[in-house]
């Protein structure tokens, strides 16, 4: 009976020791301008609620891309979802690859 409890305690201690602690996690939060739209729906791409959400998302992502990668992008030229894809591609790019190569894949708005 004793080895069974020792094994259970050992497994629990390993599980708790390996589990990531929320204290150690980075405190990455979205700005309140973007979070204000959390859970809301819009009628379409021309809906004023969607347009204001997209504008807030674009401004936030342009600022974040500039901070992480040092690339200044114009928030009027790309949609919010394009900027999310651009950021993901920048994270995966090799160090020798130029940023312009990835930016050419996305159509710019006038």
PDB file of N, CA and C in Angstrom:
ATOM      1  N   UNK A   1       0.821  -1.187   0.000  1.00  0.00           N
ATOM      2  CA  UNK A   1       0.000   0.000   0.000  1.00  0.00           C
ATOM      3  C   UNK A   1       0.865   1.251   0.000  1.00  0.00           C
ATOM      4  N   UNK A   2       1.981   1.206   0.693  1.00  0.00           N
ATOM      5  CA  UNK A   2       2.846   2.365   0.793  1.00  0.00           C
ATOM      6  C   UNK A   2       3.457   2.765  -0.564  1.00  0.00           C
ATOM      7  N   UNK A   3       3.942   1.832  -1.371  1.00  0.00           N
ATOM      8  CA  UNK A   3       4.506   2.210  -2.678  1.00  0.00           C
ATOM      9  C   UNK A   3       3.476   2.871  -3.596  1.00  0.00           C
ATOM     10  N   UNK A   4       2.209   2.487  -3.455  1.00  0.00           N
ATOM     11  CA  UNK A   4       1.151   3.081  -4.277  1.00  0.00           C
ATOM     12  C   UNK A   4       1.021   4.572  -3.970  1.00  0.00           C
ATOM     13  N   UNK A   5       1.023   4.951  -2.695  1.00  0.00           N
ATOM     14  CA  UNK A   5       0.891   6.357  -2.312  1.00  0.00           C
ATOM     15  C   UNK A   5       2.134   7.149  -2.688  1.00  0.00           C
ATOM     16  N   UNK A   6       3.273   6.528  -2.567  1.00  0.00           N
ATOM     17  CA  UNK A   6       4.514   7.205  -2.951  1.00  0.00           C
ATOM     18  C   UNK A   6       4.502   7.490  -4.454  1.00  0.00           C
ATOM     19  N   UNK A   7       4.036   6.546  -5.243  1.00  0.00           N
ATOM     20  CA  UNK A   7       3.951   6.731  -6.685  1.00  0.00           C
ATOM     21  C   UNK A   7       2.958   7.834  -7.042  1.00  0.00           C
ATOM     22  N   UNK A   8       1.828   7.858  -6.358  1.00  0.00           N
ATOM     23  CA  UNK A   8       0.824   8.900  -6.617  1.00  0.00           C
ATOM     24  C   UNK A   8       1.380  10.277  -6.256  1.00  0.00           C
ATOM     25  N   UNK A   9       2.029  10.391  -5.114  1.00  0.00           N
ATOM     26  CA  UNK A   9       2.615  11.676  -4.714  1.00  0.00           C
ATOM     27  C   UNK A   9       3.722  12.108  -5.665  1.00  0.00           C
ATOM     28  N   UNK A  10       4.506  11.163  -6.133  1.00  0.00           N
ATOM     29  CA  UNK A  10       5.573  11.476  -7.084  1.00  0.00           C
ATOM     30  C   UNK A  10       4.990  11.992  -8.394  1.00  0.00           C
ATOM     31  N   UNK A  11       3.946  11.333  -8.875  1.00  0.00           N
ATOM     32  CA  UNK A  11       3.300  11.779 -10.118  1.00  0.00           C
ATOM     33  C   UNK A  11       2.684  13.166  -9.961  1.00  0.00           C
ATOM     34  N   UNK A  12       2.037  13.417  -8.831  1.00  0.00           N
ATOM     35  CA  UNK A  12       1.435  14.735  -8.599  1.00  0.00           C
ATOM     36  C   UNK A  12       2.495  15.825  -8.527  1.00  0.00           C
ATOM     37  N   UNK A  13       3.594  15.542  -7.859  1.00  0.00           N
ATOM     38  CA  UNK A  13       4.646  16.553  -7.754  1.00  0.00           C
ATOM     39  C   UNK A  13       5.286  16.829  -9.103  1.00  0.00           C
ATOM     40  N   UNK A  14       5.454  15.799  -9.928  1.00  0.00           N
ATOM     41  CA  UNK A  14       5.987  16.012 -11.273  1.00  0.00           C
ATOM     42  C   UNK A  14       5.014  16.801 -12.129  1.00  0.00           C
ATOM     43  N   UNK A  15       3.740  16.486 -11.998  1.00  0.00           N
ATOM     44  CA  UNK A  15       2.733  17.185 -12.774  1.00  0.00           C
ATOM     45  C   UNK A  15       2.676  18.662 -12.410  1.00  0.00           C
ATOM     46  N   UNK A  16       2.705  18.957 -11.135  1.00  0.00           N
ATOM     47  CA  UNK A  16       2.656  20.348 -10.685  1.00  0.00           C
ATOM     48  C   UNK A  16       3.962  21.074 -10.992  1.00  0.00           C
ATOM     49  N   UNK A  17       5.057  20.385 -10.980  1.00  0.00           N
ATOM     50  CA  UNK A  17       6.354  21.006 -11.265  1.00  0.00           C
ATOM     51  C   UNK A  17       6.548  21.323 -12.728  1.00  0.00           C
ATOM     52  N   UNK A  18       5.935  20.520 -13.610  1.00  0.00           N
ATOM     53  CA  UNK A  18       6.106  20.702 -15.043  1.00  0.00           C
ATOM     54  C   UNK A  18       5.072  21.662 -15.612  1.00  0.00           C
ATOM     55  N   UNK A  19       3.925  21.761 -14.989  1.00  0.00           N
ATOM     56  CA  UNK A  19       2.854  22.620 -15.484  1.00  0.00           C
ATOM     57  C   UNK A  19       3.315  24.075 -15.471  1.00  0.00           C
ATOM     58  N   UNK A  20       3.055  24.808 -16.554  1.00  0.00           N
ATOM     59  CA  UNK A  20       3.464  26.216 -16.589  1.00  0.00           C
ATOM     60  C   UNK A  20       2.692  27.041 -15.573  1.00  0.00           C
ATOM     61  N   UNK A  21       3.393  27.865 -14.917  1.00  0.00           N
ATOM     62  CA  UNK A  21       2.786  28.704 -13.900  1.00  0.00           C
ATOM     63  C   UNK A  21       2.232  29.982 -14.529  1.00  0.00           C
ATOM     64  N   UNK A  22       1.027  30.388 -14.149  1.00  0.00           N
ATOM     65  CA  UNK A  22       0.492  31.631 -14.682  1.00  0.00           C
ATOM     66  C   UNK A  22       1.296  32.848 -14.228  1.00  0.00           C
ATOM     67  N   UNK A  23       2.031  32.701 -13.145  1.00  0.00           N
ATOM     68  CA  UNK A  23       2.855  33.803 -12.676  1.00  0.00           C
ATOM     69  C   UNK A  23       4.021  34.045 -13.629  1.00  0.00           C
ATOM     70  N   UNK A  24       4.538  32.964 -14.218  1.00  0.00           N
ATOM     71  CA  UNK A  24       5.674  33.081 -15.121  1.00  0.00           C
ATOM     72  C   UNK A  24       5.269  33.482 -16.531  1.00  0.00           C
ATOM     73  N   UNK A  25       4.009  33.369 -16.857  1.00  0.00           N
ATOM     74  CA  UNK A  25       3.543  33.704 -18.192  1.00  0.00           C
ATOM     75  C   UNK A  25       3.673  35.200 -18.440  1.00  0.00           C
ATOM     76  N   UNK A  26       3.932  35.551 -19.697  1.00  0.00           N
ATOM     77  CA  UNK A  26       4.010  36.968 -20.054  1.00  0.00           C
ATOM     78  C   UNK A  26       2.623  37.583 -19.936  1.00  0.00           C
ATOM     79  N   UNK A  27       2.586  38.770 -19.457  1.00  0.00           N
ATOM     80  CA  UNK A  27       1.326  39.477 -19.323  1.00  0.00           C
ATOM     81  C   UNK A  27       1.059  40.273 -20.601  1.00  0.00           C
ATOM     82  N   UNK A  28       0.635  39.565 -21.650  1.00  0.00           N
ATOM     83  CA  UNK A  28       0.317  40.200 -22.913  1.00  0.00           C
ATOM     84  C   UNK A  28      -1.180  40.446 -22.969  1.00  0.00           C
ATOM     85  N   UNK A  29      -1.554  41.675 -23.000  1.00  0.00           N
ATOM     86  CA  UNK A  29      -2.966  42.003 -23.075  1.00  0.00           C
ATOM     87  C   UNK A  29      -3.203  42.927 -24.254  1.00  0.00           C
ATOM     88  N   UNK A  30      -4.360  42.813 -24.817  1.00  0.00           N
ATOM     89  CA  UNK A  30      -4.747  43.685 -25.907  1.00  0.00           C
ATOM     90  C   UNK A  30      -5.166  45.026 -25.308  1.00  0.00           C
ATOM     91  N   UNK A  31      -5.004  46.088 -26.054  1.00  0.00           N
ATOM     92  CA  UNK A  31      -5.448  47.384 -25.537  1.00  0.00           C
ATOM     93  C   UNK A  31      -6.966  47.434 -25.427  1.00  0.00           C
ATOM     94  N   UNK A  32      -7.434  48.297 -24.587  1.00  0.00           N
ATOM     95  CA  UNK A  32      -8.871  48.372 -24.332  1.00  0.00           C
ATOM     96  C   UNK A  32      -9.658  48.772 -25.578  1.00  0.00           C
ATOM     97  N   UNK A  33      -9.019  49.471 -26.519  1.00  0.00           N
ATOM     98  CA  UNK A  33      -9.731  49.862 -27.736  1.00  0.00           C
ATOM     99  C   UNK A  33     -10.131  48.633 -28.541  1.00  0.00           C
ATOM    100  N   UNK A  34      -9.256  47.628 -28.578  1.00  0.00           N
ATOM    101  CA  UNK A  34      -9.547  46.415 -29.329  1.00  0.00           C
ATOM    102  C   UNK A  34     -10.458  45.500 -28.515  1.00  0.00           C
ATOM    103  N   UNK A  35     -10.227  45.417 -27.219  1.00  0.00           N
ATOM    104  CA  UNK A  35     -11.046  44.547 -26.377  1.00  0.00           C
ATOM    105  C   UNK A  35     -12.479  45.041 -26.239  1.00  0.00           C
ATOM    106  N   UNK A  36     -12.742  46.286 -26.542  1.00  0.00           N
ATOM    107  CA  UNK A  36     -14.105  46.806 -26.457  1.00  0.00           C
ATOM    108  C   UNK A  36     -15.031  46.094 -27.442  1.00  0.00           C
ATOM    109  N   UNK A  37     -14.475  45.490 -28.479  1.00  0.00           N
ATOM    110  CA  UNK A  37     -15.267  44.813 -29.503  1.00  0.00           C
ATOM    111  C   UNK A  37     -15.383  43.314 -29.256  1.00  0.00           C
ATOM    112  N   UNK A  38     -14.858  42.842 -28.148  1.00  0.00           N
ATOM    113  CA  UNK A  38     -14.857  41.415 -27.842  1.00  0.00           C
ATOM    114  C   UNK A  38     -16.288  40.890 -27.745  1.00  0.00           C
ATOM    115  N   UNK A  39     -16.572  39.849 -28.508  1.00  0.00           N
ATOM    116  CA  UNK A  39     -17.883  39.202 -28.465  1.00  0.00           C
ATOM    117  C   UNK A  39     -18.956  39.877 -29.281  1.00  0.00           C
ATOM    118  N   UNK A  40     -18.650  40.981 -29.917  1.00  0.00           N
ATOM    119  CA  UNK A  40     -19.660  41.683 -30.705  1.00  0.00           C
ATOM    120  C   UNK A  40     -19.612  41.201 -32.153  1.00  0.00           C
ATOM    121  N   UNK A  41     -20.733  41.250 -32.810  1.00  0.00           N
ATOM    122  CA  UNK A  41     -20.809  40.874 -34.214  1.00  0.00           C
ATOM    123  C   UNK A  41     -21.187  42.095 -35.038  1.00  0.00           C
ATOM    124  N   UNK A  42     -20.924  41.992 -36.326  1.00  0.00           N
ATOM    125  CA  UNK A  42     -21.277  43.091 -37.220  1.00  0.00           C
ATOM    126  C   UNK A  42     -22.008  42.517 -38.423  1.00  0.00           C
ATOM    127  N   UNK A  43     -22.722  43.380 -39.113  1.00  0.00           N
ATOM    128  CA  UNK A  43     -23.534  42.948 -40.247  1.00  0.00           C
ATOM    129  C   UNK A  43     -22.693  42.653 -41.480  1.00  0.00           C
ATOM    130  N   UNK A  44     -21.533  43.242 -41.578  1.00  0.00           N
ATOM    131  CA  UNK A  44     -20.687  43.022 -42.747  1.00  0.00           C
ATOM    132  C   UNK A  44     -19.484  43.940 -42.715  1.00  0.00           C
ATOM    133  N   UNK A  45     -18.771  43.943 -43.825  1.00  0.00           N
ATOM    134  CA  UNK A  45     -17.546  44.728 -43.902  1.00  0.00           C
ATOM    135  C   UNK A  45     -17.798  46.236 -43.957  1.00  0.00           C
ATOM    136  N   UNK A  46     -19.002  46.627 -44.310  1.00  0.00           N
ATOM    137  CA  UNK A  46     -19.317  48.052 -44.391  1.00  0.00           C
ATOM    138  C   UNK A  46     -20.004  48.570 -43.129  1.00  0.00           C
ATOM    139  N   UNK A  47     -20.231  47.701 -42.176  1.00  0.00           N
ATOM    140  CA  UNK A  47     -20.856  48.078 -40.916  1.00  0.00           C
ATOM    141  C   UNK A  47     -19.924  49.019 -40.142  1.00  0.00           C
ATOM    142  N   UNK A  48     -20.430  50.136 -39.628  1.00  0.00           N
ATOM    143  CA  UNK A  48     -19.576  51.077 -38.892  1.00  0.00           C
ATOM    144  C   UNK A  48     -18.890  50.447 -37.675  1.00  0.00           C
ATOM    145  N   UNK A  49     -19.544  49.487 -37.036  1.00  0.00           N
ATOM    146  CA  UNK A  49     -18.928  48.817 -35.878  1.00  0.00           C
ATOM    147  C   UNK A  49     -17.702  48.009 -36.329  1.00  0.00           C
ATOM    148  N   UNK A  50     -17.830  47.324 -37.467  1.00  0.00           N
ATOM    149  CA  UNK A  50     -16.698  46.553 -37.986  1.00  0.00           C
ATOM    150  C   UNK A  50     -15.566  47.478 -38.421  1.00  0.00           C
ATOM    151  N   UNK A  51     -15.910  48.563 -39.071  1.00  0.00           N
ATOM    152  CA  UNK A  51     -14.878  49.491 -39.551  1.00  0.00           C
ATOM    153  C   UNK A  51     -14.099  50.108 -38.394  1.00  0.00           C
ATOM    154  N   UNK A  52     -14.789  50.433 -37.308  1.00  0.00           N
ATOM    155  CA  UNK A  52     -14.074  51.002 -36.161  1.00  0.00           C
ATOM    156  C   UNK A  52     -13.212  49.932 -35.473  1.00  0.00           C
ATOM    157  N   UNK A  53     -13.692  48.683 -35.419  1.00  0.00           N
ATOM    158  CA  UNK A  53     -12.892  47.591 -34.874  1.00  0.00           C
ATOM    159  C   UNK A  53     -11.644  47.367 -35.718  1.00  0.00           C
ATOM    160  N   UNK A  54     -11.824  47.333 -37.031  1.00  0.00           N
ATOM    161  CA  UNK A  54     -10.690  47.103 -37.925  1.00  0.00           C
ATOM    162  C   UNK A  54      -9.663  48.223 -37.800  1.00  0.00           C
ATOM    163  N   UNK A  55     -10.125  49.442 -37.648  1.00  0.00           N
ATOM    164  CA  UNK A  55      -9.208  50.571 -37.489  1.00  0.00           C
ATOM    165  C   UNK A  55      -8.405  50.437 -36.193  1.00  0.00           C
ATOM    166  N   UNK A  56      -9.056  50.089 -35.098  1.00  0.00           N
ATOM    167  CA  UNK A  56      -8.362  49.917 -33.816  1.00  0.00           C
ATOM    168  C   UNK A  56      -7.369  48.761 -33.885  1.00  0.00           C
ATOM    169  N   UNK A  57      -7.763  47.671 -34.535  1.00  0.00           N
ATOM    170  CA  UNK A  57      -6.873  46.513 -34.686  1.00  0.00           C
ATOM    171  C   UNK A  57      -5.665  46.868 -35.531  1.00  0.00           C
ATOM    172  N   UNK A  58      -5.879  47.593 -36.630  1.00  0.00           N
ATOM    173  CA  UNK A  58      -4.757  47.984 -37.492  1.00  0.00           C
ATOM    174  C   UNK A  58      -3.761  48.865 -36.753  1.00  0.00           C
ATOM    175  N   UNK A  59      -4.255  49.838 -36.017  1.00  0.00           N
ATOM    176  CA  UNK A  59      -3.346  50.729 -35.285  1.00  0.00           C
ATOM    177  C   UNK A  59      -2.544  49.965 -34.242  1.00  0.00           C
ATOM    178  N   UNK A  60      -3.192  49.037 -33.544  1.00  0.00           N
ATOM    179  CA  UNK A  60      -2.499  48.241 -32.542  1.00  0.00           C
ATOM    180  C   UNK A  60      -1.428  47.345 -33.178  1.00  0.00           C
ATOM    181  N   UNK A  61      -1.784  46.687 -34.284  1.00  0.00           N
ATOM    182  CA  UNK A  61      -0.838  45.772 -34.917  1.00  0.00           C
ATOM    183  C   UNK A  61       0.332  46.503 -35.565  1.00  0.00           C
ATOM    184  N   UNK A  62       0.085  47.662 -36.148  1.00  0.00           N
ATOM    185  CA  UNK A  62       1.175  48.440 -36.733  1.00  0.00           C
ATOM    186  C   UNK A  62       2.168  48.841 -35.651  1.00  0.00           C
ATOM    187  N   UNK A  63       1.656  49.242 -34.495  1.00  0.00           N
ATOM    188  CA  UNK A  63       2.522  49.617 -33.381  1.00  0.00           C
ATOM    189  C   UNK A  63       3.320  48.408 -32.887  1.00  0.00           C
ATOM    190  N   UNK A  64       2.662  47.248 -32.787  1.00  0.00           N
ATOM    191  CA  UNK A  64       3.326  46.043 -32.297  1.00  0.00           C
ATOM    192  C   UNK A  64       4.375  45.531 -33.281  1.00  0.00           C
ATOM    193  N   UNK A  65       4.090  45.594 -34.580  1.00  0.00           N
ATOM    194  CA  UNK A  65       5.070  45.172 -35.589  1.00  0.00           C
ATOM    195  C   UNK A  65       6.269  46.102 -35.567  1.00  0.00           C
ATOM    196  N   UNK A  66       6.024  47.384 -35.397  1.00  0.00           N
ATOM    197  CA  UNK A  66       7.128  48.338 -35.320  1.00  0.00           C
ATOM    198  C   UNK A  66       8.002  48.078 -34.095  1.00  0.00           C
ATOM    199  N   UNK A  67       7.395  47.753 -32.964  1.00  0.00           N
ATOM    200  CA  UNK A  67       8.161  47.489 -31.751  1.00  0.00           C
ATOM    201  C   UNK A  67       8.968  46.198 -31.864  1.00  0.00           C
ATOM    202  N   UNK A  68       8.372  45.136 -32.412  1.00  0.00           N
ATOM    203  CA  UNK A  68       9.039  43.839 -32.473  1.00  0.00           C
ATOM    204  C   UNK A  68      10.072  43.741 -33.584  1.00  0.00           C
ATOM    205  N   UNK A  69       9.757  44.289 -34.763  1.00  0.00           N
ATOM    206  CA  UNK A  69      10.593  44.060 -35.933  1.00  0.00           C
ATOM    207  C   UNK A  69      11.235  45.325 -36.491  1.00  0.00           C
ATOM    208  N   UNK A  70      10.819  46.482 -36.019  1.00  0.00           N
ATOM    209  CA  UNK A  70      11.390  47.729 -36.503  1.00  0.00           C
ATOM    210  C   UNK A  70      10.934  48.110 -37.900  1.00  0.00           C
ATOM    211  N   UNK A  71       9.786  47.614 -38.315  1.00  0.00           N
ATOM    212  CA  UNK A  71       9.235  47.914 -39.638  1.00  0.00           C
ATOM    213  C   UNK A  71       8.017  48.813 -39.450  1.00  0.00           C
ATOM    214  N   UNK A  72       8.085  50.001 -40.001  1.00  0.00           N
ATOM    215  CA  UNK A  72       6.963  50.943 -39.896  1.00  0.00           C
ATOM    216  C   UNK A  72       6.030  50.724 -41.078  1.00  0.00           C
ATOM    217  N   UNK A  73       4.816  50.299 -40.794  1.00  0.00           N
ATOM    218  CA  UNK A  73       3.810  50.074 -41.825  1.00  0.00           C
ATOM    219  C   UNK A  73       2.713  51.115 -41.699  1.00  0.00           C
ATOM    220  N   UNK A  74       2.050  51.385 -42.814  1.00  0.00           N
ATOM    221  CA  UNK A  74       0.943  52.327 -42.823  1.00  0.00           C
ATOM    222  C   UNK A  74      -0.353  51.571 -42.530  1.00  0.00           C
ATOM    223  N   UNK A  75      -1.069  51.917 -41.460  1.00  0.00           N
ATOM    224  CA  UNK A  75      -2.292  51.173 -41.138  1.00  0.00           C
ATOM    225  C   UNK A  75      -3.403  51.338 -42.168  1.00  0.00           C
ATOM    226  N   UNK A  76      -3.303  52.331 -43.033  1.00  0.00           N
ATOM    227  CA  UNK A  76      -4.333  52.538 -44.049  1.00  0.00           C
ATOM    228  C   UNK A  76      -4.145  51.626 -45.258  1.00  0.00           C
ATOM    229  N   UNK A  77      -2.953  51.065 -45.416  1.00  0.00           N
ATOM    230  CA  UNK A  77      -2.669  50.250 -46.600  1.00  0.00           C
ATOM    231  C   UNK A  77      -3.027  48.777 -46.434  1.00  0.00           C
ATOM    232  N   UNK A  78      -3.150  48.290 -45.215  1.00  0.00           N
ATOM    233  CA  UNK A  78      -3.420  46.871 -44.973  1.00  0.00           C
ATOM    234  C   UNK A  78      -4.629  46.728 -44.057  1.00  0.00           C
ATOM    235  N   UNK A  79      -5.361  45.634 -44.227  1.00  0.00           N
ATOM    236  CA  UNK A  79      -6.473  45.357 -43.310  1.00  0.00           C
ATOM    237  C   UNK A  79      -5.922  44.776 -42.015  1.00  0.00           C
ATOM    238  N   UNK A  80      -6.755  44.701 -41.003  1.00  0.00           N
ATOM    239  CA  UNK A  80      -6.334  44.135 -39.728  1.00  0.00           C
ATOM    240  C   UNK A  80      -5.918  42.678 -39.858  1.00  0.00           C
ATOM    241  N   UNK A  81      -6.645  41.912 -40.662  1.00  0.00           N
ATOM    242  CA  UNK A  81      -6.326  40.503 -40.838  1.00  0.00           C
ATOM    243  C   UNK A  81      -5.050  40.321 -41.659  1.00  0.00           C
ATOM    244  N   UNK A  82      -4.811  41.213 -42.619  1.00  0.00           N
ATOM    245  CA  UNK A  82      -3.540  41.173 -43.353  1.00  0.00           C
ATOM    246  C   UNK A  82      -2.377  41.439 -42.408  1.00  0.00           C
ATOM    247  N   UNK A  83      -2.542  42.382 -41.516  1.00  0.00           N
ATOM    248  CA  UNK A  83      -1.470  42.691 -40.563  1.00  0.00           C
ATOM    249  C   UNK A  83      -1.209  41.528 -39.609  1.00  0.00           C
ATOM    250  N   UNK A  84      -2.256  40.789 -39.239  1.00  0.00           N
ATOM    251  CA  UNK A  84      -2.054  39.594 -38.419  1.00  0.00           C
ATOM    252  C   UNK A  84      -1.232  38.560 -39.171  1.00  0.00           C
ATOM    253  N   UNK A  85      -1.523  38.372 -40.458  1.00  0.00           N
ATOM    254  CA  UNK A  85      -0.757  37.427 -41.268  1.00  0.00           C
ATOM    255  C   UNK A  85       0.673  37.901 -41.473  1.00  0.00           C
ATOM    256  N   UNK A  86       0.851  39.192 -41.692  1.00  0.00           N
ATOM    257  CA  UNK A  86       2.187  39.743 -41.877  1.00  0.00           C
ATOM    258  C   UNK A  86       3.023  39.518 -40.625  1.00  0.00           C
ATOM    259  N   UNK A  87       2.440  39.768 -39.463  1.00  0.00           N
ATOM    260  CA  UNK A  87       3.171  39.557 -38.215  1.00  0.00           C
ATOM    261  C   UNK A  87       3.562  38.085 -38.050  1.00  0.00           C
ATOM    262  N   UNK A  88       2.647  37.183 -38.382  1.00  0.00           N
ATOM    263  CA  UNK A  88       2.944  35.752 -38.268  1.00  0.00           C
ATOM    264  C   UNK A  88       4.071  35.351 -39.223  1.00  0.00           C
ATOM    265  N   UNK A  89       4.066  35.898 -40.425  1.00  0.00           N
ATOM    266  CA  UNK A  89       5.132  35.584 -41.377  1.00  0.00           C
ATOM    267  C   UNK A  89       6.471  36.154 -40.916  1.00  0.00           C
ATOM    268  N   UNK A  90       6.450  37.347 -40.345  1.00  0.00           N
ATOM    269  CA  UNK A  90       7.690  37.936 -39.835  1.00  0.00           C
ATOM    270  C   UNK A  90       8.284  37.087 -38.717  1.00  0.00           C
ATOM    271  N   UNK A  91       7.426  36.480 -37.908  1.00  0.00           N
ATOM    272  CA  UNK A  91       7.918  35.629 -36.827  1.00  0.00           C
ATOM    273  C   UNK A  91       8.588  34.372 -37.376  1.00  0.00           C
ATOM    274  N   UNK A  92       8.119  33.894 -38.524  1.00  0.00           N
ATOM    275  CA  UNK A  92       8.632  32.639 -39.087  1.00  0.00           C
ATOM    276  C   UNK A  92       9.761  32.838 -40.095  1.00  0.00           C
ATOM    277  N   UNK A  93      10.033  34.053 -40.482  1.00  0.00           N
ATOM    278  CA  UNK A  93      11.028  34.278 -41.535  1.00  0.00           C
ATOM    279  C   UNK A  93      12.436  33.978 -41.050  1.00  0.00           C
ATOM    280  N   UNK A  94      13.288  33.620 -42.001  1.00  0.00           N
ATOM    281  CA  UNK A  94      14.687  33.376 -41.684  1.00  0.00           C
ATOM    282  C   UNK A  94      15.390  34.712 -41.536  1.00  0.00           C
ATOM    283  N   UNK A  95      16.499  34.724 -40.848  1.00  0.00           N
ATOM    284  CA  UNK A  95      17.194  35.986 -40.577  1.00  0.00           C
ATOM    285  C   UNK A  95      17.737  36.627 -41.842  1.00  0.00           C
ATOM    286  N   UNK A  96      18.027  35.848 -42.862  1.00  0.00           N
ATOM    287  CA  UNK A  96      18.587  36.397 -44.101  1.00  0.00           C
ATOM    288  C   UNK A  96      17.517  36.906 -45.064  1.00  0.00           C
ATOM    289  N   UNK A  97      16.281  36.549 -44.848  1.00  0.00           N
ATOM    290  CA  UNK A  97      15.218  36.943 -45.763  1.00  0.00           C
ATOM    291  C   UNK A  97      14.800  38.385 -45.503  1.00  0.00           C
ATOM    292  N   UNK A  98      14.601  39.155 -46.578  1.00  0.00           N
ATOM    293  CA  UNK A  98      14.166  40.549 -46.390  1.00  0.00           C
ATOM    294  C   UNK A  98      12.666  40.627 -46.082  1.00  0.00           C
ATOM    295  N   UNK A  99      12.292  41.661 -45.360  1.00  0.00           N
ATOM    296  CA  UNK A  99      10.889  41.860 -45.008  1.00  0.00           C
ATOM    297  C   UNK A  99      10.048  42.192 -46.242  1.00  0.00           C
ATOM    298  N   UNK A 100      10.646  42.872 -47.213  1.00  0.00           N
ATOM    299  CA  UNK A 100       9.903  43.292 -48.404  1.00  0.00           C
ATOM    300  C   UNK A 100       9.336  42.108 -49.178  1.00  0.00           C
ATOM    301  N   UNK A 101      10.032  40.986 -49.132  1.00  0.00           N
ATOM    302  CA  UNK A 101       9.581  39.798 -49.843  1.00  0.00           C
ATOM    303  C   UNK A 101       8.199  39.365 -49.332  1.00  0.00           C
ATOM    304  N   UNK A 102       7.971  39.499 -48.040  1.00  0.00           N
ATOM    305  CA  UNK A 102       6.684  39.104 -47.467  1.00  0.00           C
ATOM    306  C   UNK A 102       5.611  40.165 -47.700  1.00  0.00           C
ATOM    307  N   UNK A 103       6.020  41.413 -47.694  1.00  0.00           N
ATOM    308  CA  UNK A 103       5.045  42.492 -47.881  1.00  0.00           C
ATOM    309  C   UNK A 103       4.487  42.512 -49.301  1.00  0.00           C
ATOM    310  N   UNK A 104       5.240  41.989 -50.270  1.00  0.00           N
ATOM    311  CA  UNK A 104       4.773  41.965 -51.663  1.00  0.00           C
ATOM    312  C   UNK A 104       3.603  41.008 -51.847  1.00  0.00           C
ATOM    313  N   UNK A 105       3.420  40.068 -50.933  1.00  0.00           N
ATOM    314  CA  UNK A 105       2.329  39.085 -51.054  1.00  0.00           C
ATOM    315  C   UNK A 105       0.971  39.676 -50.727  1.00  0.00           C
ATOM    316  N   UNK A 106       0.939  40.820 -50.078  1.00  0.00           N
ATOM    317  CA  UNK A 106      -0.328  41.392 -49.629  1.00  0.00           C
ATOM    318  C   UNK A 106      -0.697  42.612 -50.469  1.00  0.00           C
ATOM    319  N   UNK A 107      -1.933  42.613 -50.977  1.00  0.00           N
ATOM    320  CA  UNK A 107      -2.362  43.777 -51.768  1.00  0.00           C
ATOM    321  C   UNK A 107      -2.528  44.998 -50.862  1.00  0.00           C
ATOM    322  N   UNK A 108      -2.095  46.126 -51.367  1.00  0.00           N
ATOM    323  CA  UNK A 108      -2.232  47.367 -50.607  1.00  0.00           C
ATOM    324  C   UNK A 108      -3.520  48.070 -51.002  1.00  0.00           C
ATOM    325  N   UNK A 109      -4.136  48.683 -50.030  1.00  0.00           N
ATOM    326  CA  UNK A 109      -5.328  49.490 -50.305  1.00  0.00           C
ATOM    327  C   UNK A 109      -4.884  50.850 -50.815  1.00  0.00           C
ATOM    328  N   UNK A 110      -5.705  51.466 -51.637  1.00  0.00           N
ATOM    329  CA  UNK A 110      -5.327  52.832 -52.096  1.00  0.00           C
ATOM    330  C   UNK A 110      -5.432  53.856 -50.992  1.00  0.00           C
TER     331      UNK A 110
END
